Amino acid sequence: MQELIDVLNENGIKTGEVLPRSEVHKKGLWHRIIVVAIINEENEILMQQRSYKKDKNAGMWDISVTGHISSGQDSLSAAAREINEEVSVNLGYNVEIKDFRYMFSYRKEERVNENHMDRQFYDFFVLRKKDIKIENIRVQESEVEQIKFVNISELNAMIENKQVVERDAVYKELMNYLFRV
């Protein structure tokens, strides 16, 4: 069964319409996405390489976790769900809503192909975790090829070499945040 998405207007307000994700993209309707940067105690960011089977940005490196907000769900609940789906962290406890730090929201339009138009509002969060190790993370193989932690210099190099999904606003805010802490 396909994920159902709340359709938004151009101001990010729910219209009351709920459609399957593929139809939302085919019609180019506004909807909401979460973006989460998971940061360890060394101030390194968890990056994921998107599956080569993805229809958008296949094989590119991306921020720790991204995903659509399901119908009826709020951004924080979606962030926790996506972390559990894409990069389960085996630390003996679940990620809780109070663990997230809201950074900012923005909107973006992008034509992926003739049958896929992204009109998305992004809610960006940071999740700081101590004692998080690569070997304690289990990825969803249908979504993620591999993961790694990178420092700010490595992330900058990945951005310059166009190895990452274009999320300039997120990376800029993330850099500012990491320099402040």
Protein backbone atom coordinates (compact mmCIF):
# COMPACT_ATOMS: atom_id res chain seq x y z
CA MET A 1 0.00 0.00 0.00
CA GLN A 2 1.30 3.40 -0.96
CA GLU A 3 1.96 6.10 1.61
CA LEU A 4 -0.80 8.73 1.88
CA ILE A 5 0.26 12.38 2.03
CA ASP A 6 -1.56 15.53 3.19
CA VAL A 7 -1.76 18.02 0.32
CA LEU A 8 -0.79 21.59 1.27
CA ASN A 9 -1.46 24.95 -0.34
CA GLU A 10 1.39 27.25 -1.44
CA ASN A 11 1.58 28.62 2.13
CA GLY A 12 2.08 25.20 3.74
CA ILE A 13 -1.49 24.89 5.09
CA LYS A 14 -3.29 21.54 4.76
CA THR A 15 -6.03 21.64 2.14
CA GLY A 16 -7.90 18.62 3.54
CA GLU A 17 -7.01 16.55 0.48
CA VAL A 18 -5.09 13.30 1.09
CA LEU A 19 -3.51 11.49 -1.85
CA PRO A 20 -1.00 8.69 -2.52
CA ARG A 21 2.58 9.92 -2.67
CA SER A 22 2.98 9.07 -6.37
CA GLU A 23 -0.10 11.12 -7.27
CA VAL A 24 1.11 14.09 -5.20
CA HIS A 25 4.38 14.07 -7.19
CA LYS A 26 2.69 13.42 -10.54
CA LYS A 27 0.33 16.39 -10.02
CA GLY A 28 3.08 18.57 -8.52
CA LEU A 29 1.16 19.29 -5.31
CA TRP A 30 2.68 20.90 -2.22
CA HIS A 31 3.49 18.58 0.70
CA ARG A 32 5.87 18.38 3.66
CA ILE A 33 9.23 16.58 4.10
CA ILE A 34 11.49 16.17 7.12
CA VAL A 35 15.28 16.42 7.04
CA VAL A 36 17.34 15.30 10.05
CA ALA A 37 21.07 15.66 10.66
CA ILE A 38 22.32 13.13 13.21
CA ILE A 39 25.49 14.40 14.89
CA ASN A 40 27.82 12.43 17.16
CA GLU A 41 29.95 13.68 20.07
CA GLU A 42 32.85 14.48 17.70
CA ASN A 43 30.61 16.92 15.80
CA GLU A 44 30.51 14.58 12.81
CA ILE A 45 27.41 14.29 10.66
CA LEU A 46 25.96 10.92 9.71
CA MET A 47 25.62 10.79 5.93
CA GLN A 48 23.77 8.16 3.92
CA GLN A 49 24.32 7.12 0.35
CA ARG A 50 20.93 6.80 -1.31
CA SER A 51 20.04 3.50 -2.92
CA TYR A 52 20.93 3.14 -6.59
CA LYS A 53 17.31 1.99 -7.09
CA LYS A 54 15.84 5.38 -6.05
CA ASP A 55 14.08 7.36 -8.78
CA LYS A 56 15.63 10.64 -7.58
CA ASN A 57 19.27 11.30 -6.62
CA ALA A 58 20.17 7.61 -6.86
CA GLY A 59 23.61 6.85 -5.42
CA MET A 60 24.11 10.41 -4.13
CA TRP A 61 25.16 11.13 -0.54
CA ASP A 62 22.51 12.78 1.58
CA ILE A 63 21.95 14.13 5.06
CA SER A 64 21.31 11.49 7.76
CA VAL A 65 17.57 11.03 7.28
CA THR A 66 14.89 12.47 5.01
CA GLY A 67 11.33 11.46 4.34
CA HIS A 68 7.76 12.36 3.60
CA ILE A 69 5.33 13.18 6.37
CA SER A 70 2.46 10.71 6.25
CA SER A 71 -1.12 11.94 6.37
CA GLY A 72 -2.15 12.99 9.87
CA GLN A 73 1.42 12.94 11.15
CA ASP A 74 3.41 15.92 12.45
CA SER A 75 7.03 16.69 11.53
CA LEU A 76 8.58 15.42 14.77
CA SER A 77 6.71 12.11 14.68
CA ALA A 78 7.71 11.69 11.03
CA ALA A 79 11.36 12.41 11.91
CA ALA A 80 11.35 9.72 14.61
CA ARG A 81 9.61 7.25 12.26
CA GLU A 82 12.05 7.88 9.42
CA ILE A 83 15.06 7.40 11.71
CA ASN A 84 13.67 4.05 12.82
CA GLU A 85 12.98 3.05 9.19
CA GLU A 86 16.15 4.24 7.45
CA VAL A 87 18.92 4.16 10.06
CA SER A 88 17.91 2.24 13.15
CA VAL A 89 20.32 3.09 15.90
CA ASN A 90 20.80 0.18 18.29
CA LEU A 91 21.52 2.04 21.51
CA GLY A 92 18.98 0.30 23.72
CA TYR A 93 16.50 3.20 23.64
CA ASN A 94 14.19 4.85 21.14
CA VAL A 95 14.61 8.32 19.72
CA GLU A 96 12.08 10.62 21.35
CA ILE A 97 10.53 13.82 20.09
CA LYS A 98 12.21 15.83 22.87
CA ASP A 99 15.62 14.78 21.47
CA PHE A 100 15.18 16.85 18.29
CA ARG A 101 16.21 20.46 17.82
CA TYR A 102 14.15 22.33 15.24
CA MET A 103 16.37 24.42 12.97
CA PHE A 104 14.16 25.98 10.27
CA SER A 105 11.69 25.32 7.44
CA TYR A 106 11.92 26.21 3.78
CA ARG A 107 10.17 25.39 0.54
CA LYS A 108 11.48 24.24 -2.81
CA GLU A 109 10.12 23.39 -6.24
CA GLU A 110 11.93 21.06 -8.61
CA ARG A 111 10.93 19.19 -11.77
CA VAL A 112 12.47 15.70 -11.50
CA ASN A 113 11.03 14.42 -14.79
CA GLU A 114 7.82 14.80 -16.81
CA ASN A 115 5.90 12.61 -14.32
CA HIS A 116 7.47 13.89 -11.09
CA MET A 117 7.31 17.44 -9.76
CA ASP A 118 8.54 18.17 -6.24
CA ARG A 119 6.76 21.01 -4.45
CA GLN A 120 7.89 20.49 -0.92
CA PHE A 121 8.12 22.24 2.43
CA TYR A 122 11.14 20.98 4.35
CA ASP A 123 11.34 20.92 8.16
CA PHE A 124 14.98 20.60 9.24
CA PHE A 125 15.97 19.11 12.60
CA VAL A 126 19.22 18.18 14.34
CA LEU A 127 19.55 15.13 16.56
CA ARG A 128 22.70 14.95 18.71
CA LYS A 129 23.59 11.47 19.96
CA LYS A 130 26.48 10.37 22.15
CA ASP A 131 28.13 6.98 21.82
CA ILE A 132 26.75 6.44 18.33
CA LYS A 133 28.95 4.15 16.25
CA ILE A 134 28.58 3.04 12.64
CA GLU A 135 28.61 -0.61 13.71
CA ASN A 136 25.53 0.06 15.91
CA ILE A 137 23.46 1.37 13.01
CA ARG A 138 21.29 -0.85 10.85
CA VAL A 139 20.18 0.69 7.54
CA GLN A 140 17.12 -0.01 5.45
CA GLU A 141 18.77 -1.65 2.45
CA SER A 142 15.99 -0.68 0.02
CA GLU A 143 16.64 3.00 0.86
CA VAL A 144 20.34 3.24 1.79
CA GLU A 145 23.52 1.83 0.18
CA GLN A 146 25.93 2.79 2.96
CA ILE A 147 26.52 5.29 5.74
CA LYS A 148 29.48 7.17 7.17
CA PHE A 149 30.29 9.99 9.58
CA VAL A 150 31.98 13.06 8.10
CA ASN A 151 33.47 16.14 9.68
CA ILE A 152 32.82 19.67 8.43
CA SER A 153 35.82 19.65 6.07
CA GLU A 154 34.79 16.34 4.53
CA LEU A 155 31.22 17.57 4.11
CA ASN A 156 32.47 20.75 2.41
CA ALA A 157 34.55 18.64 0.01
CA MET A 158 31.54 16.44 -0.77
CA ILE A 159 29.46 19.54 -1.49
CA GLU A 160 32.16 21.09 -3.71
CA ASN A 161 32.53 17.80 -5.62
CA LYS A 162 28.74 17.61 -6.08
CA GLN A 163 28.57 14.22 -4.33
CA VAL A 164 25.62 15.24 -2.14
CA VAL A 165 21.96 15.86 -2.79
CA GLU A 166 21.48 19.60 -3.27
CA ARG A 167 20.32 20.96 0.09
CA ASP A 168 22.30 24.19 0.25
CA ALA A 169 20.06 25.86 2.86
CA VAL A 170 20.32 22.81 5.14
CA TYR A 171 24.10 22.52 4.84
CA LYS A 172 24.61 26.24 5.42
CA GLU A 173 22.49 26.19 8.59
CA LEU A 174 24.15 22.97 9.73
CA MET A 175 27.62 24.50 9.35
CA ASN A 176 26.54 27.56 11.35
CA TYR A 177 25.11 25.33 14.06
CA LEU A 178 28.25 23.17 14.28
CA PHE A 179 30.49 26.21 14.59
CA ARG A 180 28.32 27.61 17.42
CA VAL A 181 28.41 24.46 19.58
